[in-house]
Amino acid sequence: NPFNSTIKLSYGLPEATDVTINIYDLRGRMVESLVNDNKQAGTYTISWKSATNNTASGIYFVRMLAGDFKGVRKVTYIK
């Protein structure tokens, strides 16, 4: 899943809930917060434009918390 400057992330919610989606580097430091809001049920797509914040090439983790769901996805950014 290497990406160059922008990655699109899609997710679906079966019911309204608080959603948090953050990007972390390999050291566990938060790089950017993409979502921190209460969302209604539905399907959503968000983008992370890593090139706009001087992000270094490397591996990052997308962490999503939504109600009882907790998930992490690894992404690779290549300049």
PDB file of N, CA and C in Angstrom:
ATOM      1  N   ASN A   1       0.802  -1.202   0.000  1.00  0.00           N
ATOM      2  CA  ASN A   1       0.000   0.000   0.000  1.00  0.00           C
ATOM      3  C   ASN A   1       0.844   1.265   0.000  1.00  0.00           C
ATOM      4  N   PRO A   2       2.009   1.269  -0.622  1.00  0.00           N
ATOM      5  CA  PRO A   2       2.778   2.524  -0.645  1.00  0.00           C
ATOM      6  C   PRO A   2       1.988   3.632  -1.327  1.00  0.00           C
ATOM      7  N   PHE A   3       2.138   4.844  -0.827  1.00  0.00           N
ATOM      8  CA  PHE A   3       1.478   5.988  -1.449  1.00  0.00           C
ATOM      9  C   PHE A   3       2.470   7.119  -1.562  1.00  0.00           C
ATOM     10  N   ASN A   4       2.180   8.051  -2.476  1.00  0.00           N
ATOM     11  CA  ASN A   4       3.113   9.116  -2.780  1.00  0.00           C
ATOM     12  C   ASN A   4       2.848  10.382  -1.990  1.00  0.00           C
ATOM     13  N   SER A   5       1.674  10.932  -2.040  1.00  0.00           N
ATOM     14  CA  SER A   5       1.428  12.179  -1.308  1.00  0.00           C
ATOM     15  C   SER A   5       0.089  12.185  -0.584  1.00  0.00           C
ATOM     16  N   THR A   6      -0.889  11.445  -1.088  1.00  0.00           N
ATOM     17  CA  THR A   6      -2.218  11.427  -0.478  1.00  0.00           C
ATOM     18  C   THR A   6      -2.726   9.991  -0.426  1.00  0.00           C
ATOM     19  N   ILE A   7      -3.297   9.637   0.707  1.00  0.00           N
ATOM     20  CA  ILE A   7      -3.928   8.328   0.839  1.00  0.00           C
ATOM     21  C   ILE A   7      -5.374   8.552   1.258  1.00  0.00           C
ATOM     22  N   LYS A   8      -6.281   7.810   0.626  1.00  0.00           N
ATOM     23  CA  LYS A   8      -7.697   7.902   0.977  1.00  0.00           C
ATOM     24  C   LYS A   8      -8.054   6.726   1.866  1.00  0.00           C
ATOM     25  N   LEU A   9      -8.743   7.011   2.954  1.00  0.00           N
ATOM     26  CA  LEU A   9      -9.158   5.996   3.918  1.00  0.00           C
ATOM     27  C   LEU A   9     -10.670   6.003   4.002  1.00  0.00           C
ATOM     28  N   SER A  10     -11.262   4.836   3.817  1.00  0.00           N
ATOM     29  CA  SER A  10     -12.720   4.720   3.887  1.00  0.00           C
ATOM     30  C   SER A  10     -13.106   3.870   5.088  1.00  0.00           C
ATOM     31  N   TYR A  11     -14.246   4.220   5.690  1.00  0.00           N
ATOM     32  CA  TYR A  11     -14.756   3.437   6.808  1.00  0.00           C
ATOM     33  C   TYR A  11     -16.266   3.584   6.878  1.00  0.00           C
ATOM     34  N   GLY A  12     -16.899   2.592   7.467  1.00  0.00           N
ATOM     35  CA  GLY A  12     -18.347   2.611   7.608  1.00  0.00           C
ATOM     36  C   GLY A  12     -18.745   2.446   9.060  1.00  0.00           C
ATOM     37  N   LEU A  13     -19.833   3.088   9.429  1.00  0.00           N
ATOM     38  CA  LEU A  13     -20.345   3.020  10.795  1.00  0.00           C
ATOM     39  C   LEU A  13     -21.781   2.501  10.768  1.00  0.00           C
ATOM     40  N   PRO A  14     -22.086   1.455  11.532  1.00  0.00           N
ATOM     41  CA  PRO A  14     -23.451   0.935  11.558  1.00  0.00           C
ATOM     42  C   PRO A  14     -24.395   1.791  12.404  1.00  0.00           C
ATOM     43  N   GLU A  15     -23.822   2.617  13.274  1.00  0.00           N
ATOM     44  CA  GLU A  15     -24.622   3.498  14.133  1.00  0.00           C
ATOM     45  C   GLU A  15     -23.799   4.728  14.494  1.00  0.00           C
ATOM     46  N   ALA A  16     -24.458   5.749  14.990  1.00  0.00           N
ATOM     47  CA  ALA A  16     -23.764   6.976  15.392  1.00  0.00           C
ATOM     48  C   ALA A  16     -22.826   6.672  16.555  1.00  0.00           C
ATOM     49  N   THR A  17     -21.624   7.216  16.501  1.00  0.00           N
ATOM     50  CA  THR A  17     -20.646   6.995  17.561  1.00  0.00           C
ATOM     51  C   THR A  17     -19.527   8.026  17.461  1.00  0.00           C
ATOM     52  N   ASP A  18     -18.750   8.139  18.529  1.00  0.00           N
ATOM     53  CA  ASP A  18     -17.555   8.981  18.501  1.00  0.00           C
ATOM     54  C   ASP A  18     -16.476   8.264  17.700  1.00  0.00           C
ATOM     55  N   VAL A  19     -15.806   9.006  16.822  1.00  0.00           N
ATOM     56  CA  VAL A  19     -14.766   8.434  15.964  1.00  0.00           C
ATOM     57  C   VAL A  19     -13.488   9.241  16.130  1.00  0.00           C
ATOM     58  N   THR A  20     -12.384   8.526  16.304  1.00  0.00           N
ATOM     59  CA  THR A  20     -11.064   9.145  16.351  1.00  0.00           C
ATOM     60  C   THR A  20     -10.164   8.394  15.379  1.00  0.00           C
ATOM     61  N   ILE A  21      -9.546   9.134  14.463  1.00  0.00           N
ATOM     62  CA  ILE A  21      -8.576   8.544  13.538  1.00  0.00           C
ATOM     63  C   ILE A  21      -7.322   9.406  13.582  1.00  0.00           C
ATOM     64  N   ASN A  22      -6.210   8.788  13.998  1.00  0.00           N
ATOM     65  CA  ASN A  22      -4.938   9.482  14.120  1.00  0.00           C
ATOM     66  C   ASN A  22      -3.856   8.748  13.350  1.00  0.00           C
ATOM     67  N   ILE A  23      -2.830   9.496  12.926  1.00  0.00           N
ATOM     68  CA  ILE A  23      -1.661   8.938  12.249  1.00  0.00           C
ATOM     69  C   ILE A  23      -0.499   8.968  13.238  1.00  0.00           C
ATOM     70  N   TYR A  24       0.222   7.828  13.339  1.00  0.00           N
ATOM     71  CA  TYR A  24       1.369   7.710  14.247  1.00  0.00           C
ATOM     72  C   TYR A  24       2.602   7.272  13.469  1.00  0.00           C
ATOM     73  N   ASP A  25       3.775   7.707  13.923  1.00  0.00           N
ATOM     74  CA  ASP A  25       5.020   7.238  13.317  1.00  0.00           C
ATOM     75  C   ASP A  25       5.475   5.962  14.023  1.00  0.00           C
ATOM     76  N   LEU A  26       6.615   5.416  13.615  1.00  0.00           N
ATOM     77  CA  LEU A  26       7.114   4.166  14.182  1.00  0.00           C
ATOM     78  C   LEU A  26       7.446   4.273  15.673  1.00  0.00           C
ATOM     79  N   ARG A  27       7.729   5.460  16.146  1.00  0.00           N
ATOM     80  CA  ARG A  27       8.046   5.652  17.566  1.00  0.00           C
ATOM     81  C   ARG A  27       6.802   5.852  18.431  1.00  0.00           C
ATOM     82  N   GLY A  28       5.638   5.827  17.791  1.00  0.00           N
ATOM     83  CA  GLY A  28       4.397   5.984  18.539  1.00  0.00           C
ATOM     84  C   GLY A  28       3.967   7.422  18.748  1.00  0.00           C
ATOM     85  N   ARG A  29       4.651   8.355  18.106  1.00  0.00           N
ATOM     86  CA  ARG A  29       4.285   9.765  18.226  1.00  0.00           C
ATOM     87  C   ARG A  29       3.170  10.091  17.241  1.00  0.00           C
ATOM     88  N   MET A  30       2.163  10.813  17.707  1.00  0.00           N
ATOM     89  CA  MET A  30       1.081  11.201  16.814  1.00  0.00           C
ATOM     90  C   MET A  30       1.593  12.249  15.833  1.00  0.00           C
ATOM     91  N   VAL A  31       1.380  11.985  14.553  1.00  0.00           N
ATOM     92  CA  VAL A  31       1.799  12.888  13.487  1.00  0.00           C
ATOM     93  C   VAL A  31       0.667  13.848  13.133  1.00  0.00           C
ATOM     94  N   GLU A  32      -0.552  13.303  13.081  1.00  0.00           N
ATOM     95  CA  GLU A  32      -1.697  14.135  12.710  1.00  0.00           C
ATOM     96  C   GLU A  32      -2.994  13.473  13.164  1.00  0.00           C
ATOM     97  N   SER A  33      -3.952  14.302  13.536  1.00  0.00           N
ATOM     98  CA  SER A  33      -5.290  13.828  13.872  1.00  0.00           C
ATOM     99  C   SER A  33      -6.192  14.123  12.675  1.00  0.00           C
ATOM    100  N   LEU A  34      -6.818  13.070  12.130  1.00  0.00           N
ATOM    101  CA  LEU A  34      -7.668  13.246  10.953  1.00  0.00           C
ATOM    102  C   LEU A  34      -9.137  13.407  11.312  1.00  0.00           C
ATOM    103  N   VAL A  35      -9.601  12.669  12.324  1.00  0.00           N
ATOM    104  CA  VAL A  35     -11.002  12.735  12.742  1.00  0.00           C
ATOM    105  C   VAL A  35     -11.042  12.665  14.261  1.00  0.00           C
ATOM    106  N   ASN A  36     -11.846  13.514  14.864  1.00  0.00           N
ATOM    107  CA  ASN A  36     -12.101  13.473  16.304  1.00  0.00           C
ATOM    108  C   ASN A  36     -13.476  14.097  16.504  1.00  0.00           C
ATOM    109  N   ASP A  37     -14.516  13.294  16.214  1.00  0.00           N
ATOM    110  CA  ASP A  37     -15.858  13.854  16.155  1.00  0.00           C
ATOM    111  C   ASP A  37     -16.889  12.749  16.328  1.00  0.00           C
ATOM    112  N   ASN A  38     -18.111  13.142  16.623  1.00  0.00           N
ATOM    113  CA  ASN A  38     -19.222  12.203  16.646  1.00  0.00           C
ATOM    114  C   ASN A  38     -19.777  12.130  15.231  1.00  0.00           C
ATOM    115  N   LYS A  39     -19.871  10.920  14.691  1.00  0.00           N
ATOM    116  CA  LYS A  39     -20.330  10.730  13.314  1.00  0.00           C
ATOM    117  C   LYS A  39     -21.618   9.915  13.309  1.00  0.00           C
ATOM    118  N   GLN A  40     -22.491  10.232  12.375  1.00  0.00           N
ATOM    119  CA  GLN A  40     -23.724   9.481  12.183  1.00  0.00           C
ATOM    120  C   GLN A  40     -23.416   8.181  11.437  1.00  0.00           C
ATOM    121  N   ALA A  41     -24.331   7.229  11.465  1.00  0.00           N
ATOM    122  CA  ALA A  41     -24.168   5.990  10.716  1.00  0.00           C
ATOM    123  C   ALA A  41     -23.993   6.320   9.234  1.00  0.00           C
ATOM    124  N   GLY A  42     -23.131   5.563   8.564  1.00  0.00           N
ATOM    125  CA  GLY A  42     -22.901   5.804   7.143  1.00  0.00           C
ATOM    126  C   GLY A  42     -21.494   5.436   6.741  1.00  0.00           C
ATOM    127  N   THR A  43     -21.164   5.747   5.499  1.00  0.00           N
ATOM    128  CA  THR A  43     -19.848   5.473   4.942  1.00  0.00           C
ATOM    129  C   THR A  43     -19.122   6.796   4.738  1.00  0.00           C
ATOM    130  N   TYR A  44     -17.846   6.818   5.095  1.00  0.00           N
ATOM    131  CA  TYR A  44     -17.049   8.038   5.021  1.00  0.00           C
ATOM    132  C   TYR A  44     -15.728   7.753   4.322  1.00  0.00           C
ATOM    133  N   THR A  45     -15.184   8.760   3.670  1.00  0.00           N
ATOM    134  CA  THR A  45     -13.853   8.706   3.082  1.00  0.00           C
ATOM    135  C   THR A  45     -13.115   9.967   3.497  1.00  0.00           C
ATOM    136  N   ILE A  46     -11.906   9.777   4.009  1.00  0.00           N
ATOM    137  CA  ILE A  46     -11.067  10.910   4.395  1.00  0.00           C
ATOM    138  C   ILE A  46      -9.730  10.782   3.677  1.00  0.00           C
ATOM    139  N   SER A  47      -8.984  11.870   3.602  1.00  0.00           N
ATOM    140  CA  SER A  47      -7.677  11.864   2.957  1.00  0.00           C
ATOM    141  C   SER A  47      -6.614  12.356   3.922  1.00  0.00           C
ATOM    142  N   TRP A  48      -5.437  11.759   3.809  1.00  0.00           N
ATOM    143  CA  TRP A  48      -4.269  12.255   4.538  1.00  0.00           C
ATOM    144  C   TRP A  48      -3.277  12.726   3.495  1.00  0.00           C
ATOM    145  N   LYS A  49      -3.016  14.028   3.494  1.00  0.00           N
ATOM    146  CA  LYS A  49      -2.082  14.621   2.541  1.00  0.00           C
ATOM    147  C   LYS A  49      -0.753  14.816   3.247  1.00  0.00           C
ATOM    148  N   SER A  50       0.053  13.781   3.242  1.00  0.00           N
ATOM    149  CA  SER A  50       1.306  13.793   3.984  1.00  0.00           C
ATOM    150  C   SER A  50       2.312  14.791   3.430  1.00  0.00           C
ATOM    151  N   ALA A  51       2.247  15.101   2.159  1.00  0.00           N
ATOM    152  CA  ALA A  51       3.219  16.015   1.553  1.00  0.00           C
ATOM    153  C   ALA A  51       3.063  17.441   2.062  1.00  0.00           C
ATOM    154  N   THR A  52       1.901  17.782   2.610  1.00  0.00           N
ATOM    155  CA  THR A  52       1.674  19.164   3.037  1.00  0.00           C
ATOM    156  C   THR A  52       2.262  19.474   4.398  1.00  0.00           C
ATOM    157  N   ASN A  53       2.719  18.458   5.152  1.00  0.00           N
ATOM    158  CA  ASN A  53       3.243  18.744   6.488  1.00  0.00           C
ATOM    159  C   ASN A  53       4.671  18.237   6.676  1.00  0.00           C
ATOM    160  N   ASN A  54       5.450  18.195   5.599  1.00  0.00           N
ATOM    161  CA  ASN A  54       6.864  17.798   5.647  1.00  0.00           C
ATOM    162  C   ASN A  54       7.075  16.430   6.282  1.00  0.00           C
ATOM    163  N   THR A  55       6.213  15.491   6.002  1.00  0.00           N
ATOM    164  CA  THR A  55       6.329  14.141   6.522  1.00  0.00           C
ATOM    165  C   THR A  55       7.465  13.409   5.820  1.00  0.00           C
ATOM    166  N   ALA A  56       8.294  12.714   6.595  1.00  0.00           N
ATOM    167  CA  ALA A  56       9.400  11.946   6.032  1.00  0.00           C
ATOM    168  C   ALA A  56       8.880  10.632   5.456  1.00  0.00           C
ATOM    169  N   SER A  57       9.572  10.111   4.465  1.00  0.00           N
ATOM    170  CA  SER A  57       9.233   8.790   3.936  1.00  0.00           C
ATOM    171  C   SER A  57       9.352   7.765   5.053  1.00  0.00           C
ATOM    172  N   GLY A  58       8.492   6.749   5.013  1.00  0.00           N
ATOM    173  CA  GLY A  58       8.578   5.704   6.023  1.00  0.00           C
ATOM    174  C   GLY A  58       7.247   5.049   6.285  1.00  0.00           C
ATOM    175  N   ILE A  59       7.213   4.260   7.353  1.00  0.00           N
ATOM    176  CA  ILE A  59       6.019   3.523   7.748  1.00  0.00           C
ATOM    177  C   ILE A  59       5.266   4.316   8.806  1.00  0.00           C
ATOM    178  N   TYR A  60       3.957   4.367   8.637  1.00  0.00           N
ATOM    179  CA  TYR A  60       3.080   5.055   9.577  1.00  0.00           C
ATOM    180  C   TYR A  60       1.914   4.137   9.923  1.00  0.00           C
ATOM    181  N   PHE A  61       1.254   4.432  11.020  1.00  0.00           N
ATOM    182  CA  PHE A  61       0.112   3.645  11.455  1.00  0.00           C
ATOM    183  C   PHE A  61      -1.116   4.534  11.565  1.00  0.00           C
ATOM    184  N   VAL A  62      -2.212   4.073  10.995  1.00  0.00           N
ATOM    185  CA  VAL A  62      -3.496   4.761  11.085  1.00  0.00           C
ATOM    186  C   VAL A  62      -4.286   4.035  12.176  1.00  0.00           C
ATOM    187  N   ARG A  63      -4.632   4.738  13.237  1.00  0.00           N
ATOM    188  CA  ARG A  63      -5.368   4.124  14.348  1.00  0.00           C
ATOM    189  C   ARG A  63      -6.774   4.697  14.384  1.00  0.00           C
ATOM    190  N   MET A  64      -7.757   3.794  14.390  1.00  0.00           N
ATOM    191  CA  MET A  64      -9.159   4.212  14.428  1.00  0.00           C
ATOM    192  C   MET A  64      -9.821   3.658  15.672  1.00  0.00           C
ATOM    193  N   LEU A  65     -10.516   4.534  16.389  1.00  0.00           N
ATOM    194  CA  LEU A  65     -11.345   4.159  17.524  1.00  0.00           C
ATOM    195  C   LEU A  65     -12.755   4.621  17.201  1.00  0.00           C
ATOM    196  N   ALA A  66     -13.715   3.699  17.263  1.00  0.00           N
ATOM    197  CA  ALA A  66     -15.115   4.036  16.973  1.00  0.00           C
ATOM    198  C   ALA A  66     -15.994   3.134  17.836  1.00  0.00           C
ATOM    199  N   GLY A  67     -16.555   3.688  18.889  1.00  0.00           N
ATOM    200  CA  GLY A  67     -17.356   2.878  19.803  1.00  0.00           C
ATOM    201  C   GLY A  67     -16.483   1.810  20.426  1.00  0.00           C
ATOM    202  N   ASP A  68     -16.875   0.539  20.291  1.00  0.00           N
ATOM    203  CA  ASP A  68     -16.089  -0.580  20.820  1.00  0.00           C
ATOM    204  C   ASP A  68     -15.009  -1.054  19.852  1.00  0.00           C
ATOM    205  N   PHE A  69     -14.985  -0.506  18.639  1.00  0.00           N
ATOM    206  CA  PHE A  69     -14.011  -0.919  17.625  1.00  0.00           C
ATOM    207  C   PHE A  69     -12.686  -0.200  17.824  1.00  0.00           C
ATOM    208  N   LYS A  70     -11.592  -0.967  17.736  1.00  0.00           N
ATOM    209  CA  LYS A  70     -10.239  -0.417  17.738  1.00  0.00           C
ATOM    210  C   LYS A  70      -9.481  -1.107  16.622  1.00  0.00           C
ATOM    211  N   GLY A  71      -8.900  -0.329  15.724  1.00  0.00           N
ATOM    212  CA  GLY A  71      -8.167  -0.924  14.614  1.00  0.00           C
ATOM    213  C   GLY A  71      -6.942  -0.104  14.235  1.00  0.00           C
ATOM    214  N   VAL A  72      -5.940  -0.790  13.695  1.00  0.00           N
ATOM    215  CA  VAL A  72      -4.701  -0.142  13.251  1.00  0.00           C
ATOM    216  C   VAL A  72      -4.363  -0.678  11.867  1.00  0.00           C
ATOM    217  N   ARG A  73      -3.971   0.222  10.986  1.00  0.00           N
ATOM    218  CA  ARG A  73      -3.567  -0.152   9.633  1.00  0.00           C
ATOM    219  C   ARG A  73      -2.213   0.472   9.350  1.00  0.00           C
ATOM    220  N   LYS A  74      -1.290  -0.324   8.805  1.00  0.00           N
ATOM    221  CA  LYS A  74       0.045   0.163   8.475  1.00  0.00           C
ATOM    222  C   LYS A  74       0.024   0.718   7.060  1.00  0.00           C
ATOM    223  N   VAL A  75       0.634   1.883   6.865  1.00  0.00           N
ATOM    224  CA  VAL A  75       0.765   2.486   5.540  1.00  0.00           C
ATOM    225  C   VAL A  75       2.217   2.908   5.331  1.00  0.00           C
ATOM    226  N   THR A  76       2.649   2.904   4.088  1.00  0.00           N
ATOM    227  CA  THR A  76       4.013   3.282   3.752  1.00  0.00           C
ATOM    228  C   THR A  76       3.992   4.510   2.860  1.00  0.00           C
ATOM    229  N   TYR A  77       4.678   5.550   3.312  1.00  0.00           N
ATOM    230  CA  TYR A  77       4.754   6.800   2.547  1.00  0.00           C
ATOM    231  C   TYR A  77       6.104   6.859   1.846  1.00  0.00           C
ATOM    232  N   ILE A  78       6.084   7.081   0.529  1.00  0.00           N
ATOM    233  CA  ILE A  78       7.299   7.198  -0.268  1.00  0.00           C
ATOM    234  C   ILE A  78       7.268   8.531  -0.997  1.00  0.00           C
ATOM    235  N   LYS A  79       8.276   9.356  -0.742  1.00  0.00           N
ATOM    236  CA  LYS A  79       8.352  10.668  -1.412  1.00  0.00           C
ATOM    237  C   LYS A  79       8.763  10.502  -2.834  1.00  0.00           C
TER     238      LYS A  79
END
